[in-house]
Protein backbone atom coordinates (compact mmCIF):
# COMPACT_ATOMS: atom_id res chain seq x y z
CA MET A 1 99.53 -76.53 45.11
CA GLN A 2 102.65 -76.02 43.59
CA CYS A 3 102.96 -72.01 43.66
CA MET A 4 101.59 -72.56 47.81
CA THR A 5 105.02 -75.07 48.58
CA ASP A 6 107.41 -72.12 46.69
CA THR A 7 105.90 -69.30 48.50
CA ILE A 8 105.77 -71.59 52.09
CA TRP A 9 109.28 -72.28 51.28
CA LEU A 10 110.78 -68.43 50.82
CA CYS A 11 108.62 -67.46 53.47
CA GLY A 12 111.09 -69.53 55.79
CA ILE A 13 114.11 -68.42 54.03
CA LEU A 14 113.09 -64.70 54.99
CA SER A 15 112.18 -65.35 58.64
CA ASN A 16 115.55 -66.57 58.98
CA ARG A 17 117.09 -64.45 57.17
CA ARG A 18 119.73 -63.14 59.81
CA LEU A 19 121.42 -66.21 58.95
CA LEU A 20 122.33 -65.82 55.07
CA GLY A 21 124.56 -64.31 54.14
CA GLY A 22 124.25 -60.64 51.73
CA LYS A 23 125.56 -62.57 48.69
CA PHE A 24 123.24 -65.04 49.65
CA LEU A 25 120.20 -62.48 49.78
CA ALA A 26 120.95 -60.09 46.83
CA LEU A 27 120.96 -64.04 44.70
CA LEU A 28 117.36 -64.58 45.85
CA ALA A 29 116.28 -60.99 45.39
CA VAL A 30 117.65 -62.17 41.29
CA LEU A 31 115.78 -65.91 40.89
CA LEU A 32 112.78 -63.68 42.94
CA PHE A 33 112.09 -61.02 40.10
CA VAL A 34 112.49 -63.28 37.50
CA ASN A 35 110.21 -66.02 38.59
CA PRO A 36 107.79 -66.36 36.08
CA LEU A 37 105.05 -66.95 38.77
CA GLN A 38 105.41 -63.26 39.40
CA ALA A 39 106.87 -61.57 36.47
CA GLN A 40 104.15 -62.72 33.62
CA THR A 41 100.66 -61.22 34.74
CA THR A 42 99.05 -61.82 31.25
CA ALA A 43 99.51 -64.44 29.17
CA PRO A 44 100.86 -63.09 25.61
CA ARG A 45 97.93 -62.46 22.86
CA ALA A 46 97.31 -65.47 20.69
CA GLY A 47 99.62 -65.61 17.62
CA SER A 48 101.88 -62.75 19.12
CA VAL A 49 104.52 -64.14 18.27
CA VAL A 50 105.44 -65.31 15.22
CA PRO A 51 107.79 -68.05 13.96
CA PRO A 52 110.27 -66.88 11.42
CA ALA A 53 109.38 -67.30 7.67
CA ARG A 54 105.34 -67.56 8.17
CA THR A 55 103.09 -64.81 8.35
CA ALA A 56 101.51 -63.37 10.66
CA PRO A 57 97.60 -64.43 11.62
CA ASP A 58 94.75 -61.53 10.67
CA SER A 59 94.65 -60.76 14.21
CA VAL A 60 98.07 -59.17 14.94
CA ASN A 61 97.55 -56.71 11.97
CA LYS A 62 93.95 -55.58 13.27
CA GLY A 63 93.89 -51.64 12.89
CA LYS A 64 95.94 -51.32 10.00
CA ILE A 65 95.31 -49.93 7.19
CA ALA A 66 96.31 -51.96 3.88
CA PRO A 67 97.51 -51.07 1.29
CA GLN A 68 94.74 -49.30 -1.65
CA SER A 69 94.05 -51.40 -4.73
CA ALA A 70 94.66 -49.53 -8.14
CA VAL A 71 90.57 -49.02 -8.44
CA ALA A 72 91.59 -47.46 -12.21
CA SER A 73 91.63 -49.16 -15.31
CA THR A 74 94.70 -48.43 -17.90
CA ASN A 75 94.19 -48.13 -21.45
CA ASN A 76 97.36 -46.90 -23.87
CA GLY A 77 98.73 -45.97 -21.07
CA TRP A 78 95.55 -43.78 -19.29
CA THR A 79 94.90 -44.21 -15.90
CA LEU A 80 90.98 -43.87 -15.35
CA VAL A 81 90.55 -42.06 -12.05
CA ARG A 82 86.42 -41.06 -12.47
CA THR A 83 83.85 -41.09 -14.74
CA ILE A 84 81.13 -37.58 -14.24
CA ARG A 85 77.84 -38.45 -16.07
CA LEU A 86 77.03 -35.35 -18.02
CA ARG A 87 74.20 -35.64 -20.61
CA GLN A 88 76.06 -33.87 -23.59
CA PRO A 89 78.75 -31.86 -22.13
CA GLY A 90 79.25 -29.08 -24.35
CA ALA A 91 81.55 -25.95 -24.29
CA ALA A 92 84.84 -26.64 -21.38
CA SER A 93 87.97 -25.01 -20.27
CA LEU A 94 90.00 -25.04 -17.32
CA ASP A 95 91.29 -22.71 -15.85
CA ARG A 96 94.84 -21.58 -13.89
CA ARG A 97 93.88 -24.38 -11.05
CA GLY A 98 93.59 -26.70 -12.93
CA ASN A 99 89.47 -26.95 -12.31
CA LEU A 100 87.83 -28.00 -15.34
CA TYR A 101 84.52 -25.89 -16.37
CA VAL A 102 81.33 -27.51 -18.55
CA ALA A 103 78.07 -26.49 -20.28
CA ASP A 104 75.60 -29.60 -20.04
CA ALA A 105 72.73 -29.78 -22.26
CA GLN A 106 70.72 -27.69 -20.57
CA ASP A 107 73.70 -25.08 -20.44
CA ASN A 108 73.66 -25.37 -16.69
CA ILE A 109 77.91 -24.68 -16.29
CA HIS A 110 79.37 -27.46 -13.54
CA GLN A 111 82.48 -26.57 -12.33
CA TYR A 112 85.05 -29.72 -10.60
CA GLY A 113 87.96 -29.84 -8.74
CA PRO A 114 91.26 -30.81 -10.99
CA ASP A 115 90.48 -34.97 -9.56
CA GLY A 116 86.72 -34.50 -11.15
CA GLN A 117 85.09 -33.20 -7.57
CA PRO A 118 81.90 -31.75 -8.12
CA LEU A 119 82.05 -28.00 -6.81
CA ASN A 120 80.08 -26.13 -7.93
CA VAL A 121 76.53 -25.20 -10.41
CA TYR A 122 75.76 -22.20 -12.12
CA SER A 123 71.64 -22.19 -14.21
CA PRO A 124 71.13 -19.23 -15.72
CA PRO A 125 68.38 -17.46 -15.95
CA LEU A 126 67.00 -17.18 -19.16
CA PRO A 127 67.59 -20.28 -21.67
CA GLY A 128 70.50 -20.07 -23.67
CA HIS A 129 73.18 -22.07 -26.15
CA THR A 130 76.07 -22.00 -24.04
CA ALA A 131 79.05 -21.79 -27.21
CA GLN A 132 82.07 -20.46 -25.35
CA LEU A 133 83.36 -20.87 -21.63
CA GLU A 134 86.83 -19.13 -20.93
CA ALA A 135 88.43 -19.81 -17.01
CA TRP A 136 91.92 -19.32 -17.63
CA ASN A 137 91.30 -15.35 -16.57
CA VAL A 138 90.53 -17.50 -13.49
CA SER A 139 89.53 -14.45 -10.98
CA LYS A 140 86.90 -14.31 -13.63
CA ILE A 141 85.08 -16.76 -16.51
CA MET A 142 83.17 -16.40 -19.33
CA ALA A 143 80.25 -17.59 -20.66
CA PHE A 144 79.12 -16.50 -24.41
CA TYR A 145 75.32 -17.41 -25.39
CA ASP A 146 75.66 -16.96 -29.13
CA ASP A 147 71.52 -17.31 -29.56
CA ARG A 148 70.99 -14.60 -27.03
CA GLN A 149 74.27 -12.86 -28.35
CA GLU A 150 75.07 -12.37 -24.49
CA ILE A 151 78.03 -12.30 -22.57
CA ARG A 152 78.18 -13.58 -18.88
CA LEU A 153 80.93 -12.84 -15.86
CA LEU A 154 81.24 -14.96 -13.17
CA ASP A 155 83.39 -15.23 -10.00
CA ARG A 156 85.35 -18.36 -9.47
CA PHE A 157 82.40 -19.87 -6.94
CA LEU A 158 80.39 -19.24 -10.23
CA ALA A 159 78.46 -16.30 -8.81
CA PRO A 160 77.48 -13.70 -11.47
CA ILE A 161 79.19 -10.32 -11.95
CA THR A 162 77.97 -8.66 -14.96
CA GLN A 163 75.91 -9.66 -17.67
CA ILE A 164 76.80 -7.49 -21.37
CA ARG A 165 74.45 -7.29 -24.16
CA LEU A 166 76.53 -6.88 -27.03
CA SER A 167 73.42 -5.53 -29.91
CA ASP A 168 73.23 -2.99 -26.91
CA TYR A 169 77.18 -1.44 -28.53
CA PHE A 170 77.16 -2.89 -32.13
CA ASP A 171 74.28 -4.23 -34.95
CA GLY A 172 76.57 -6.64 -36.01
CA LEU A 173 76.73 -10.81 -35.13
CA VAL A 174 79.37 -12.04 -32.80
CA ARG A 175 79.66 -15.80 -33.46
CA VAL A 176 82.69 -15.87 -30.90
CA ALA A 177 84.47 -14.45 -28.20
CA THR A 178 87.26 -14.95 -25.46
CA LEU A 179 88.36 -13.17 -22.16
CA ALA A 180 91.57 -12.04 -21.84
CA PRO A 181 94.11 -11.80 -19.36
CA ASP A 182 93.61 -7.97 -18.99
CA ASP A 183 89.65 -8.39 -18.62
CA LYS A 184 89.18 -6.91 -22.10
CA LEU A 185 87.05 -9.00 -24.37
CA TRP A 186 87.76 -10.38 -27.54
CA LEU A 187 84.68 -10.68 -30.28
CA LEU A 188 85.16 -11.90 -33.84
CA ASP A 189 81.87 -10.37 -36.04
CA GLU A 190 80.91 -12.07 -38.84
CA SER A 191 78.25 -9.63 -39.97
CA ASP A 192 81.44 -7.77 -41.04
CA LEU A 193 84.14 -9.90 -40.74
CA THR A 194 86.01 -7.68 -37.83
CA LEU A 195 88.14 -8.39 -35.06
CA ARG A 196 86.96 -6.31 -32.16
CA GLN A 197 88.25 -5.76 -29.06
CA PHE A 198 85.54 -4.84 -25.93
CA ASP A 199 86.56 -3.23 -22.29
CA PRO A 200 83.76 -4.52 -20.15
CA THR A 201 84.86 -2.04 -17.51
CA PRO A 202 83.50 1.26 -19.18
CA GLN A 203 81.33 -0.64 -21.61
CA ARG A 204 82.88 0.68 -25.13
CA LEU A 205 84.76 -1.05 -28.03
CA GLY A 206 88.14 -0.78 -28.67
CA GLN A 207 90.67 -1.97 -31.37
CA THR A 208 89.12 -3.20 -34.01
CA THR A 209 90.89 -5.43 -37.18
CA PRO A 210 89.55 -5.71 -40.52
CA LEU A 211 89.68 -9.27 -41.63
CA ASP A 212 88.54 -9.60 -45.51
CA LEU A 213 91.87 -8.87 -46.70
CA ILE A 214 93.54 -11.30 -44.23
CA ILE A 215 91.25 -14.20 -45.56
CA GLY A 216 90.71 -13.44 -49.10
CA ARG A 217 87.99 -14.81 -51.04
CA SER A 218 87.88 -17.97 -48.89
CA LYS A 219 84.51 -18.35 -47.09
CA PRO A 220 85.32 -18.48 -43.64
CA ASP A 221 83.95 -21.35 -40.59
CA PHE A 222 84.81 -19.55 -36.91
CA ARG A 223 84.32 -21.87 -34.51
CA PHE A 224 86.60 -20.77 -31.57
CA LEU A 225 88.79 -17.77 -30.33
CA ARG A 226 90.94 -18.25 -27.24
CA GLN A 227 94.27 -15.52 -26.28
CA TYR A 228 96.99 -16.94 -24.91
CA GLN A 229 100.93 -16.07 -24.37
CA ASN A 230 100.37 -12.66 -26.05
CA ASN A 231 98.85 -14.24 -28.72
CA LEU A 232 95.35 -14.45 -30.61
CA TYR A 233 94.08 -17.74 -31.73
CA LEU A 234 91.31 -17.79 -34.21
CA VAL A 235 90.24 -21.12 -35.13
CA ASP A 236 88.57 -21.67 -38.92
CA ARG A 237 87.44 -24.82 -39.81
CA ASN A 238 88.00 -24.29 -43.14
CA SER A 239 91.05 -22.93 -43.48
CA GLY A 240 93.19 -23.37 -39.94
CA ILE A 241 93.98 -21.63 -37.25
CA TYR A 242 95.00 -17.25 -37.16
CA VAL A 243 97.33 -15.86 -35.08
CA PHE A 244 96.98 -12.26 -33.86
CA ASP A 245 99.10 -10.26 -31.46
CA ASN A 246 97.61 -8.53 -28.16
CA LEU A 247 96.69 -6.08 -29.89
CA GLY A 248 94.92 -7.71 -32.65
CA ASN A 249 97.55 -7.26 -35.35
CA TYR A 250 98.03 -10.14 -37.66
CA ARG A 251 100.71 -12.77 -37.77
CA LYS A 252 100.84 -15.81 -39.57
CA LYS A 253 98.24 -18.88 -40.09
CA LEU A 254 98.48 -22.58 -39.06
CA PRO A 255 97.69 -25.13 -41.46
CA PHE A 256 95.41 -26.93 -38.99
CA VAL A 257 92.12 -27.68 -40.95
CA GLY A 258 88.87 -29.38 -39.78
CA LEU A 259 89.22 -28.16 -36.42
CA THR A 260 86.33 -26.59 -33.74
CA THR A 261 88.41 -26.22 -31.09
CA VAL A 262 92.04 -26.19 -29.52
CA GLY A 263 93.83 -26.00 -26.38
CA PHE A 264 97.10 -25.06 -24.62
CA ARG A 265 99.47 -26.68 -22.16
CA GLY A 266 103.08 -24.81 -21.39
CA ASP A 267 104.31 -24.09 -24.59
CA GLU A 268 102.16 -26.32 -26.86
CA LEU A 269 99.03 -26.07 -29.26
CA TYR A 270 97.11 -29.62 -29.40
CA TYR A 271 93.96 -30.58 -30.76
CA LEU A 272 91.62 -33.98 -31.64
CA THR A 273 91.35 -34.80 -35.28
CA ASP A 274 90.45 -38.70 -36.47
CA GLY A 275 90.68 -39.86 -32.98
CA ILE A 276 94.33 -39.22 -32.25
CA LEU A 277 95.67 -36.46 -30.05
CA HIS A 278 98.07 -33.90 -31.59
CA PHE A 279 100.73 -31.35 -29.72
CA PHE A 280 102.06 -28.18 -31.95
CA GLN A 281 104.81 -26.72 -29.82
CA LEU A 282 104.71 -22.45 -30.63
CA TYR A 283 108.13 -21.49 -30.86
CA THR A 284 110.14 -24.94 -32.39
CA LEU A 285 107.57 -26.12 -34.54
CA ALA A 286 107.92 -29.62 -33.60
CA GLU A 287 105.40 -31.76 -33.77
CA ARG A 288 103.94 -34.79 -31.94
CA ALA A 289 101.00 -37.68 -31.52
CA GLN A 290 99.51 -39.44 -29.26
CA SER A 291 96.99 -42.08 -29.23
CA LEU A 292 94.19 -41.94 -26.70
CA PRO A 293 92.13 -44.14 -24.64
CA ALA A 294 89.21 -46.76 -26.40
CA VAL A 295 86.15 -44.23 -25.51
CA GLU A 296 82.61 -45.91 -26.11
CA GLY A 297 80.59 -43.64 -27.91
CA GLY A 298 83.57 -41.80 -29.08
CA ILE A 299 85.77 -38.56 -28.12
CA ASN A 300 83.93 -34.92 -28.84
CA GLN A 301 86.76 -32.99 -27.15
CA VAL A 302 89.62 -33.47 -24.75
CA LEU A 303 91.41 -30.84 -22.46
CA MET A 304 94.72 -31.33 -20.95
CA GLY A 305 95.72 -29.92 -17.64
CA GLU A 306 98.93 -30.22 -15.86
CA GLN A 307 98.13 -33.36 -13.79
CA PHE A 308 95.05 -34.59 -15.54
CA ALA A 309 93.05 -35.20 -18.87
CA TYR A 310 89.35 -34.59 -19.99
CA LEU A 311 87.88 -36.15 -22.34
CA LEU A 312 84.66 -35.39 -23.31
CA THR A 313 81.57 -37.96 -24.78
CA PRO A 314 78.06 -37.41 -25.79
CA THR A 315 77.20 -38.72 -21.67
CA ALA A 316 80.03 -38.33 -19.82
CA VAL A 317 83.62 -36.21 -18.92
CA MET A 318 86.51 -39.38 -18.49
CA VAL A 319 89.23 -37.68 -15.96
CA TYR A 320 92.65 -39.42 -16.10
CA LYS A 321 95.58 -39.14 -14.55
CA LEU A 322 98.79 -38.06 -16.31
């Protein structure tokens, strides 16, 4: 009713606009523009205006992504981001991109992204024990099957490249093997205690280094072989780590006994013993130790990447953010 009265009043004034001055008409136009009956076409949404120092209702924040709460648990400074359920994780390796490769109880090779996301799986055509994986080469991944005395080379998607039957080239028994950055293979022949180099492209033996004079009368228990930064590291569980150059010439021995595997990160060598992760600086010879998270079932092996760490247990691979 009020709206109708105001309209009649305005129409009456406008019909006598000749009687009005220019200034009055300008003032009338301004009043007409700010009249709430004409300017406000829709009612404000409930809760769109919040009094000071009060929290806006949920209807105002609808559609915005709330901050994600941390889904990882923290233990001794380690933040768990993923648990990969895997039956009896065995040989494992990291490539230069941070991808993880690990063999399971059936000797299938699983490839995971740096954060533990599954990527690819390789299943060997014949059963065999995966004694060692080496993925640092990036373009090729080596899988050594000690019971079959066979090496398989895979590409970075775990597609087969070639198969090498070691018994076709010499009569010895290879205990450990690794793939060098130049695509050559290093083999430890346990039959005559010889370190051998093998080139898979022309498929012929190369450099040979006898170890009998180096080892002496000790009874070795070779467990792991790895080339890193132009040095070759041979792990003997009983006496330590033998270090050779990239031509197979003996350099020195590191007195770390009781080990089955070692890892490398930057200029440090690391290894696990008594539940503690130890680091050894390769050039300054400085040592440091780091405690590990408490994990049910114990930790069998640790791999350290640039952003993530991987703890292998009897039933899973635990991925931690560094």
